Amino acid sequence: MMHVSGHKTQKTFMDCIKPASEEITNEMKLADELEAQVPL
């Protein structure tokens, strides 16, 4: 995967990946909170 993205070290690759995974986690939390607010 690093070869395709052009990253030379694992650190630079992980620095690029981490913000994306944190954003996905935040979006999942928000969706869960919104779902909890919907009355059944």
PDB file of N, CA and C in Angstrom:
ATOM      1  N   MET A   1       0.829  -1.190   0.000  1.00  0.00           N
ATOM      2  CA  MET A   1       0.000   0.000   0.000  1.00  0.00           C
ATOM      3  C   MET A   1       0.876   1.258   0.000  1.00  0.00           C
ATOM      4  N   MET A   2       1.956   1.233   0.763  1.00  0.00           N
ATOM      5  CA  MET A   2       2.851   2.400   0.807  1.00  0.00           C
ATOM      6  C   MET A   2       3.460   2.665  -0.570  1.00  0.00           C
ATOM      7  N   HIS A   3       3.782   1.617  -1.267  1.00  0.00           N
ATOM      8  CA  HIS A   3       4.388   1.779  -2.592  1.00  0.00           C
ATOM      9  C   HIS A   3       3.426   2.496  -3.534  1.00  0.00           C
ATOM     10  N   VAL A   4       2.160   2.132  -3.461  1.00  0.00           N
ATOM     11  CA  VAL A   4       1.151   2.742  -4.332  1.00  0.00           C
ATOM     12  C   VAL A   4       0.932   4.206  -3.966  1.00  0.00           C
ATOM     13  N   SER A   5       0.904   4.509  -2.651  1.00  0.00           N
ATOM     14  CA  SER A   5       0.631   5.880  -2.217  1.00  0.00           C
ATOM     15  C   SER A   5       1.858   6.788  -2.311  1.00  0.00           C
ATOM     16  N   GLY A   6       3.047   6.184  -2.473  1.00  0.00           N
ATOM     17  CA  GLY A   6       4.261   6.973  -2.628  1.00  0.00           C
ATOM     18  C   GLY A   6       4.977   7.302  -1.333  1.00  0.00           C
ATOM     19  N   HIS A   7       4.509   6.759  -0.215  1.00  0.00           N
ATOM     20  CA  HIS A   7       5.167   7.012   1.066  1.00  0.00           C
ATOM     21  C   HIS A   7       6.428   6.158   1.170  1.00  0.00           C
ATOM     22  N   LYS A   8       7.487   6.763   1.673  1.00  0.00           N
ATOM     23  CA  LYS A   8       8.770   6.060   1.758  1.00  0.00           C
ATOM     24  C   LYS A   8       8.964   5.361   3.099  1.00  0.00           C
ATOM     25  N   THR A   9       8.359   5.891   4.164  1.00  0.00           N
ATOM     26  CA  THR A   9       8.508   5.271   5.481  1.00  0.00           C
ATOM     27  C   THR A   9       7.131   4.955   6.063  1.00  0.00           C
ATOM     28  N   GLN A  10       7.124   4.008   6.985  1.00  0.00           N
ATOM     29  CA  GLN A  10       5.872   3.638   7.629  1.00  0.00           C
ATOM     30  C   GLN A  10       5.325   4.813   8.451  1.00  0.00           C
ATOM     31  N   LYS A  11       6.213   5.603   9.052  1.00  0.00           N
ATOM     32  CA  LYS A  11       5.773   6.743   9.865  1.00  0.00           C
ATOM     33  C   LYS A  11       4.989   7.750   9.020  1.00  0.00           C
ATOM     34  N   THR A  12       5.500   8.101   7.851  1.00  0.00           N
ATOM     35  CA  THR A  12       4.782   9.068   7.021  1.00  0.00           C
ATOM     36  C   THR A  12       3.448   8.492   6.536  1.00  0.00           C
ATOM     37  N   PHE A  13       3.442   7.205   6.266  1.00  0.00           N
ATOM     38  CA  PHE A  13       2.209   6.541   5.845  1.00  0.00           C
ATOM     39  C   PHE A  13       1.179   6.581   6.974  1.00  0.00           C
ATOM     40  N   MET A  14       1.593   6.234   8.187  1.00  0.00           N
ATOM     41  CA  MET A  14       0.691   6.222   9.334  1.00  0.00           C
ATOM     42  C   MET A  14       0.223   7.634   9.684  1.00  0.00           C
ATOM     43  N   ASP A  15       1.097   8.619   9.529  1.00  0.00           N
ATOM     44  CA  ASP A  15       0.708  10.006   9.786  1.00  0.00           C
ATOM     45  C   ASP A  15      -0.400  10.441   8.829  1.00  0.00           C
ATOM     46  N   CYS A  16      -0.395   9.897   7.636  1.00  0.00           N
ATOM     47  CA  CYS A  16      -1.417  10.222   6.637  1.00  0.00           C
ATOM     48  C   CYS A  16      -2.713   9.460   6.921  1.00  0.00           C
ATOM     49  N   ILE A  17      -2.596   8.216   7.348  1.00  0.00           N
ATOM     50  CA  ILE A  17      -3.763   7.359   7.583  1.00  0.00           C
ATOM     51  C   ILE A  17      -4.505   7.745   8.861  1.00  0.00           C
ATOM     52  N   LYS A  18      -3.787   8.089   9.917  1.00  0.00           N
ATOM     53  CA  LYS A  18      -4.395   8.328  11.231  1.00  0.00           C
ATOM     54  C   LYS A  18      -5.512   9.365  11.208  1.00  0.00           C
ATOM     55  N   PRO A  19      -5.328  10.544  10.614  1.00  0.00           N
ATOM     56  CA  PRO A  19      -6.426  11.524  10.608  1.00  0.00           C
ATOM     57  C   PRO A  19      -7.693  10.978   9.933  1.00  0.00           C
ATOM     58  N   ALA A  20      -7.525  10.188   8.898  1.00  0.00           N
ATOM     59  CA  ALA A  20      -8.682   9.629   8.205  1.00  0.00           C
ATOM     60  C   ALA A  20      -9.437   8.663   9.102  1.00  0.00           C
ATOM     61  N   SER A  21      -8.723   7.820   9.828  1.00  0.00           N
ATOM     62  CA  SER A  21      -9.397   6.868  10.705  1.00  0.00           C
ATOM     63  C   SER A  21     -10.067   7.578  11.873  1.00  0.00           C
ATOM     64  N   GLU A  22      -9.457   8.643  12.374  1.00  0.00           N
ATOM     65  CA  GLU A  22     -10.074   9.407  13.455  1.00  0.00           C
ATOM     66  C   GLU A  22     -11.348  10.099  12.963  1.00  0.00           C
ATOM     67  N   GLU A  23     -11.336  10.579  11.741  1.00  0.00           N
ATOM     68  CA  GLU A  23     -12.514  11.237  11.175  1.00  0.00           C
ATOM     69  C   GLU A  23     -13.662  10.235  11.026  1.00  0.00           C
ATOM     70  N   ILE A  24     -13.353   9.040  10.578  1.00  0.00           N
ATOM     71  CA  ILE A  24     -14.374   8.001  10.440  1.00  0.00           C
ATOM     72  C   ILE A  24     -14.962   7.653  11.801  1.00  0.00           C
ATOM     73  N   THR A  25     -14.102   7.539  12.815  1.00  0.00           N
ATOM     74  CA  THR A  25     -14.565   7.241  14.167  1.00  0.00           C
ATOM     75  C   THR A  25     -15.499   8.335  14.670  1.00  0.00           C
ATOM     76  N   ASN A  26     -15.143   9.576  14.454  1.00  0.00           N
ATOM     77  CA  ASN A  26     -15.980  10.694  14.886  1.00  0.00           C
ATOM     78  C   ASN A  26     -17.331  10.688  14.170  1.00  0.00           C
ATOM     79  N   GLU A  27     -17.335  10.382  12.883  1.00  0.00           N
ATOM     80  CA  GLU A  27     -18.581  10.336  12.127  1.00  0.00           C
ATOM     81  C   GLU A  27     -19.475   9.201  12.615  1.00  0.00           C
ATOM     82  N   MET A  28     -18.877   8.075  12.974  1.00  0.00           N
ATOM     83  CA  MET A  28     -19.652   6.946  13.491  1.00  0.00           C
ATOM     84  C   MET A  28     -20.273   7.290  14.844  1.00  0.00           C
ATOM     85  N   LYS A  29     -19.517   7.976  15.690  1.00  0.00           N
ATOM     86  CA  LYS A  29     -20.049   8.399  16.990  1.00  0.00           C
ATOM     87  C   LYS A  29     -21.219   9.355  16.804  1.00  0.00           C
ATOM     88  N   LEU A  30     -21.078  10.303  15.893  1.00  0.00           N
ATOM     89  CA  LEU A  30     -22.130  11.269  15.631  1.00  0.00           C
ATOM     90  C   LEU A  30     -23.386  10.564  15.114  1.00  0.00           C
ATOM     91  N   ALA A  31     -23.223   9.639  14.196  1.00  0.00           N
ATOM     92  CA  ALA A  31     -24.365   8.900  13.652  1.00  0.00           C
ATOM     93  C   ALA A  31     -25.059   8.108  14.753  1.00  0.00           C
ATOM     94  N   ASP A  32     -24.291   7.516  15.648  1.00  0.00           N
ATOM     95  CA  ASP A  32     -24.856   6.761  16.758  1.00  0.00           C
ATOM     96  C   ASP A  32     -25.645   7.682  17.689  1.00  0.00           C
ATOM     97  N   GLU A  33     -25.110   8.861  17.972  1.00  0.00           N
ATOM     98  CA  GLU A  33     -25.798   9.831  18.830  1.00  0.00           C
ATOM     99  C   GLU A  33     -27.099  10.303  18.190  1.00  0.00           C
ATOM    100  N   LEU A  34     -27.066  10.557  16.886  1.00  0.00           N
ATOM    101  CA  LEU A  34     -28.267  11.003  16.189  1.00  0.00           C
ATOM    102  C   LEU A  34     -29.324   9.897  16.175  1.00  0.00           C
ATOM    103  N   GLU A  35     -28.899   8.677  15.981  1.00  0.00           N
ATOM    104  CA  GLU A  35     -29.822   7.540  15.974  1.00  0.00           C
ATOM    105  C   GLU A  35     -30.472   7.364  17.348  1.00  0.00           C
ATOM    106  N   ALA A  36     -29.724   7.609  18.393  1.00  0.00           N
ATOM    107  CA  ALA A  36     -30.238   7.471  19.754  1.00  0.00           C
ATOM    108  C   ALA A  36     -31.320   8.523  20.036  1.00  0.00           C
ATOM    109  N   GLN A  37     -31.293   9.628  19.325  1.00  0.00           N
ATOM    110  CA  GLN A  37     -32.256  10.705  19.533  1.00  0.00           C
ATOM    111  C   GLN A  37     -33.580  10.462  18.794  1.00  0.00           C
ATOM    112  N   VAL A  38     -33.590   9.555  17.841  1.00  0.00           N
ATOM    113  CA  VAL A  38     -34.791   9.286  17.060  1.00  0.00           C
ATOM    114  C   VAL A  38     -35.727   8.402  17.873  1.00  0.00           C
ATOM    115  N   PRO A  39     -36.953   8.866  18.136  1.00  0.00           N
ATOM    116  CA  PRO A  39     -37.889   8.031  18.901  1.00  0.00           C
ATOM    117  C   PRO A  39     -38.345   6.831  18.077  1.00  0.00           C
ATOM    118  N   LEU A  40     -38.510   5.734  18.739  1.00  0.00           N
ATOM    119  CA  LEU A  40     -38.961   4.517  18.041  1.00  0.00           C
ATOM    120  C   LEU A  40     -40.458   4.427  17.989  1.00  0.00           C
TER     121      LEU A  40
END
